[in-house]
Amino acid sequence: MAETESTSHRRTIEGLAEAGSTLSLGLWAGVLLMVGVTAAVSFPLMADLDVRIPGYESFDGEHHRIAAGQVLNRAFLISDWIGLVCLAVAIVCIGVLWGMSKPDFRRVRPGLVLRLASLGVLAIITIFQTAAFRPSLNSKFEQLWGAAQRGENERAAEIRDRLAPQHAKASFLLATQFTLVLVAGLSGGFDGATRRSREAEDESA
């Protein structure tokens, strides 16, 4: 009876941990997708509206890029912090699953290896992006917006040209994060199903 209660308790915790991991990765994937959609929609929309920003009257460049860039900058900032929280939750949940696993099931499983590898790479990319890449990019954006607001058109154009390669890097990081989140989520589902199947076989043996 005690063993049955212990098994039931362990499975309940494992189920909660699996749910926490799945929900956190699902939320993160949704946020990343929406940021990508926002980036794809905001620039052409602002261009169609022919936006003119108050306080930037002396700037003769494209105002819609300034407006859309500020919106996206805030969206990326929110996405980065949500990503860090979701990453932390996913890692804690996998730690719980590992701790609750029976020793017999701590052998190498393809789903587990892929899950851990994708989360590891995801953690490196996310921390790099939040701690290094994004602050550097934001600093350049602030310089661009400041120069544009002061009407320093040549200076703004120079900064804009230097920023062009950074946009490609930001897009690459976003796409890489999204792919890794999907891989971690799908491999987690596969690993969970494999683990439960093996446990069922062990109990019926």
Protein backbone atom coordinates (compact mmCIF):
# COMPACT_ATOMS: atom_id res chain seq x y z
CA MET A 1 0.00 0.00 0.00
CA ALA A 2 2.81 2.37 0.96
CA GLU A 3 4.59 1.57 -2.30
CA THR A 4 1.41 2.29 -4.27
CA GLU A 5 0.96 5.64 -2.51
CA SER A 6 4.62 6.48 -3.12
CA THR A 7 4.29 5.62 -6.80
CA SER A 8 1.12 7.68 -7.08
CA HIS A 9 2.79 10.63 -5.37
CA ARG A 10 5.81 10.38 -7.65
CA ARG A 11 3.66 10.25 -10.77
CA THR A 12 1.67 13.27 -9.62
CA ILE A 13 4.83 15.32 -9.19
CA GLU A 14 6.18 14.06 -12.53
CA GLY A 15 2.91 15.03 -14.20
CA LEU A 16 3.06 18.53 -12.71
CA ALA A 17 6.68 18.90 -13.78
CA GLU A 18 5.87 17.74 -17.33
CA ALA A 19 2.94 20.16 -17.46
CA GLY A 20 5.10 23.02 -16.18
CA SER A 21 7.78 22.33 -18.77
CA THR A 22 5.25 22.02 -21.60
CA LEU A 23 3.34 25.16 -20.62
CA SER A 24 6.47 27.27 -20.19
CA LEU A 25 7.91 26.20 -23.54
CA GLY A 26 4.53 26.62 -25.22
CA LEU A 27 4.17 30.14 -23.82
CA TRP A 28 7.70 31.00 -24.93
CA ALA A 29 7.10 29.69 -28.44
CA GLY A 30 3.90 31.74 -28.66
CA VAL A 31 5.65 34.91 -27.51
CA LEU A 32 8.50 34.43 -30.00
CA LEU A 33 6.02 33.79 -32.80
CA MET A 34 4.07 36.94 -31.98
CA VAL A 35 7.26 39.03 -31.89
CA GLY A 36 8.16 37.71 -35.32
CA VAL A 37 4.68 38.51 -36.63
CA THR A 38 4.85 41.99 -35.08
CA ALA A 39 8.18 42.61 -36.80
CA ALA A 40 6.81 41.45 -40.15
CA VAL A 41 3.65 43.58 -39.89
CA SER A 42 4.72 46.77 -38.11
CA PHE A 43 7.19 48.18 -40.66
CA PRO A 44 4.96 47.97 -43.74
CA LEU A 45 1.96 49.13 -41.70
CA MET A 46 3.79 52.19 -40.40
CA ALA A 47 5.03 52.91 -43.92
CA ASP A 48 1.47 52.74 -45.31
CA LEU A 49 0.29 55.14 -42.60
CA ASP A 50 3.10 57.57 -43.53
CA VAL A 51 3.80 58.19 -39.86
CA ARG A 52 5.31 61.53 -38.82
CA ILE A 53 6.60 61.56 -35.24
CA PRO A 54 6.16 64.71 -33.10
CA GLY A 55 9.54 65.94 -31.90
CA TYR A 56 11.32 64.57 -34.99
CA GLU A 57 10.37 67.42 -37.34
CA SER A 58 14.02 68.06 -38.27
CA PHE A 59 14.62 64.45 -39.22
CA ASP A 60 14.31 63.96 -42.97
CA GLY A 61 14.67 60.18 -42.87
CA GLU A 62 11.95 57.53 -42.73
CA HIS A 63 9.84 58.21 -39.66
CA HIS A 64 7.99 54.92 -39.98
CA ARG A 65 11.21 53.03 -39.26
CA ILE A 66 11.74 55.00 -36.06
CA ALA A 67 8.14 54.37 -34.95
CA ALA A 68 8.15 50.66 -35.79
CA GLY A 69 11.63 50.24 -34.32
CA GLN A 70 10.55 51.64 -30.96
CA VAL A 71 7.53 49.34 -30.85
CA LEU A 72 9.66 46.31 -31.71
CA ASN A 73 12.36 47.28 -29.25
CA ARG A 74 9.80 47.13 -26.44
CA ALA A 75 8.38 43.85 -27.77
CA PHE A 76 11.83 42.25 -27.88
CA LEU A 77 12.58 43.45 -24.34
CA ILE A 78 9.39 41.87 -23.02
CA SER A 79 10.09 38.70 -25.01
CA ASP A 80 13.60 38.42 -23.58
CA TRP A 81 12.42 38.56 -19.97
CA ILE A 82 9.52 36.18 -20.56
CA GLY A 83 12.02 33.84 -22.23
CA LEU A 84 14.32 33.90 -19.21
CA VAL A 85 11.44 33.04 -16.87
CA CYS A 86 10.19 30.26 -19.15
CA LEU A 87 13.72 28.88 -19.50
CA ALA A 88 14.16 28.82 -15.72
CA VAL A 89 10.81 27.04 -15.24
CA ALA A 90 11.64 24.45 -17.92
CA ILE A 91 15.06 23.74 -16.40
CA VAL A 92 13.61 23.38 -12.88
CA CYS A 93 10.89 21.05 -14.17
CA ILE A 94 13.42 18.84 -15.95
CA GLY A 95 15.53 18.81 -12.77
CA VAL A 96 12.49 17.62 -10.83
CA LEU A 97 11.80 14.92 -13.42
CA TRP A 98 15.38 13.73 -13.24
CA GLY A 99 15.31 13.68 -9.45
CA MET A 100 12.01 11.78 -9.34
CA SER A 101 13.05 9.16 -11.91
CA LYS A 102 13.82 5.66 -10.76
CA PRO A 103 17.52 4.79 -11.05
CA ASP A 104 16.66 2.15 -13.66
CA PHE A 105 15.32 4.86 -15.95
CA ARG A 106 18.27 7.22 -15.68
CA ARG A 107 19.84 5.55 -18.67
CA VAL A 108 20.38 7.42 -21.89
CA ARG A 109 17.19 8.06 -23.86
CA PRO A 110 17.25 9.83 -27.25
CA GLY A 111 14.42 12.13 -26.23
CA LEU A 112 16.17 13.09 -23.00
CA VAL A 113 19.47 13.76 -24.76
CA LEU A 114 17.79 15.95 -27.38
CA ARG A 115 15.77 17.72 -24.71
CA LEU A 116 18.78 18.53 -22.57
CA ALA A 117 20.93 19.52 -25.56
CA SER A 118 18.30 21.87 -26.99
CA LEU A 119 17.68 23.48 -23.61
CA GLY A 120 21.42 23.86 -23.03
CA VAL A 121 21.98 25.64 -26.34
CA LEU A 122 18.81 27.65 -25.76
CA ALA A 123 20.09 28.78 -22.37
CA ILE A 124 23.41 29.93 -23.85
CA ILE A 125 21.71 31.86 -26.66
CA THR A 126 19.10 33.43 -24.39
CA ILE A 127 21.61 34.55 -21.76
CA PHE A 128 23.94 35.94 -24.45
CA GLN A 129 21.09 37.78 -26.10
CA THR A 130 19.72 39.26 -22.87
CA ALA A 131 23.05 40.10 -21.22
CA ALA A 132 25.18 41.16 -24.19
CA PHE A 133 23.54 41.41 -27.61
CA ARG A 134 20.34 43.22 -26.68
CA PRO A 135 21.96 45.92 -24.46
CA SER A 136 24.49 46.67 -27.21
CA LEU A 137 21.74 46.85 -29.82
CA ASN A 138 19.57 49.05 -27.61
CA SER A 139 22.47 51.45 -27.07
CA LYS A 140 22.82 51.88 -30.83
CA PHE A 141 19.09 52.39 -31.19
CA GLU A 142 19.15 55.10 -28.53
CA GLN A 143 21.97 56.82 -30.40
CA LEU A 144 19.99 56.62 -33.65
CA TRP A 145 16.80 57.96 -32.12
CA GLY A 146 18.66 60.72 -30.31
CA ALA A 147 20.43 61.84 -33.48
CA ALA A 148 17.16 61.74 -35.43
CA GLN A 149 15.34 63.77 -32.80
CA ARG A 150 18.08 66.41 -32.84
CA GLY A 151 17.91 66.57 -36.63
CA GLU A 152 21.44 65.20 -37.08
CA ASN A 153 20.49 63.45 -40.30
CA GLU A 154 23.98 62.44 -41.45
CA ARG A 155 24.79 61.04 -38.02
CA ALA A 156 21.48 59.14 -37.93
CA ALA A 157 22.12 57.69 -41.40
CA GLU A 158 25.59 56.56 -40.33
CA ILE A 159 24.25 54.80 -37.24
CA ARG A 160 21.42 53.25 -39.27
CA ASP A 161 23.92 51.78 -41.72
CA ARG A 162 25.94 50.30 -38.86
CA LEU A 163 22.77 48.77 -37.45
CA ALA A 164 21.80 46.98 -40.65
CA PRO A 165 23.88 43.82 -39.97
CA GLN A 166 22.54 43.71 -36.40
CA HIS A 167 18.99 43.35 -37.68
CA ALA A 168 19.98 40.16 -39.49
CA LYS A 169 21.61 38.82 -36.32
CA ALA A 170 18.52 39.63 -34.27
CA SER A 171 16.32 37.80 -36.78
CA PHE A 172 18.66 34.80 -36.74
CA LEU A 173 18.65 34.65 -32.94
CA LEU A 174 14.86 34.87 -32.86
CA ALA A 175 14.47 32.08 -35.42
CA THR A 176 17.05 29.92 -33.61
CA GLN A 177 15.32 30.39 -30.27
CA PHE A 178 11.96 29.51 -31.75
CA THR A 179 13.35 26.35 -33.37
CA LEU A 180 15.09 25.22 -30.19
CA VAL A 181 11.99 25.86 -28.07
CA LEU A 182 9.97 23.66 -30.44
CA VAL A 183 12.66 20.96 -30.39
CA ALA A 184 12.80 21.03 -26.57
CA GLY A 185 9.03 20.82 -26.30
CA LEU A 186 8.57 18.02 -28.82
CA SER A 187 11.50 15.98 -27.52
CA GLY A 188 10.14 16.45 -24.00
CA GLY A 189 6.81 14.96 -25.04
CA PHE A 190 8.56 12.03 -26.72
CA ASP A 191 10.83 11.49 -23.73
CA GLY A 192 7.92 11.57 -21.30
CA ALA A 193 5.98 9.00 -23.32
CA THR A 194 9.05 6.76 -23.53
CA ARG A 195 9.69 6.99 -19.80
CA ARG A 196 6.10 6.16 -18.90
CA SER A 197 6.09 3.21 -21.30
CA ARG A 198 9.23 1.78 -19.75
CA GLU A 199 7.84 2.24 -16.26
CA ALA A 200 4.67 0.41 -17.23
CA GLU A 201 6.70 -2.47 -18.69
CA ASP A 202 8.82 -2.65 -15.52
CA GLU A 203 5.75 -2.76 -13.28
CA SER A 204 4.06 -5.45 -15.34
CA ALA A 205 7.20 -7.61 -15.46
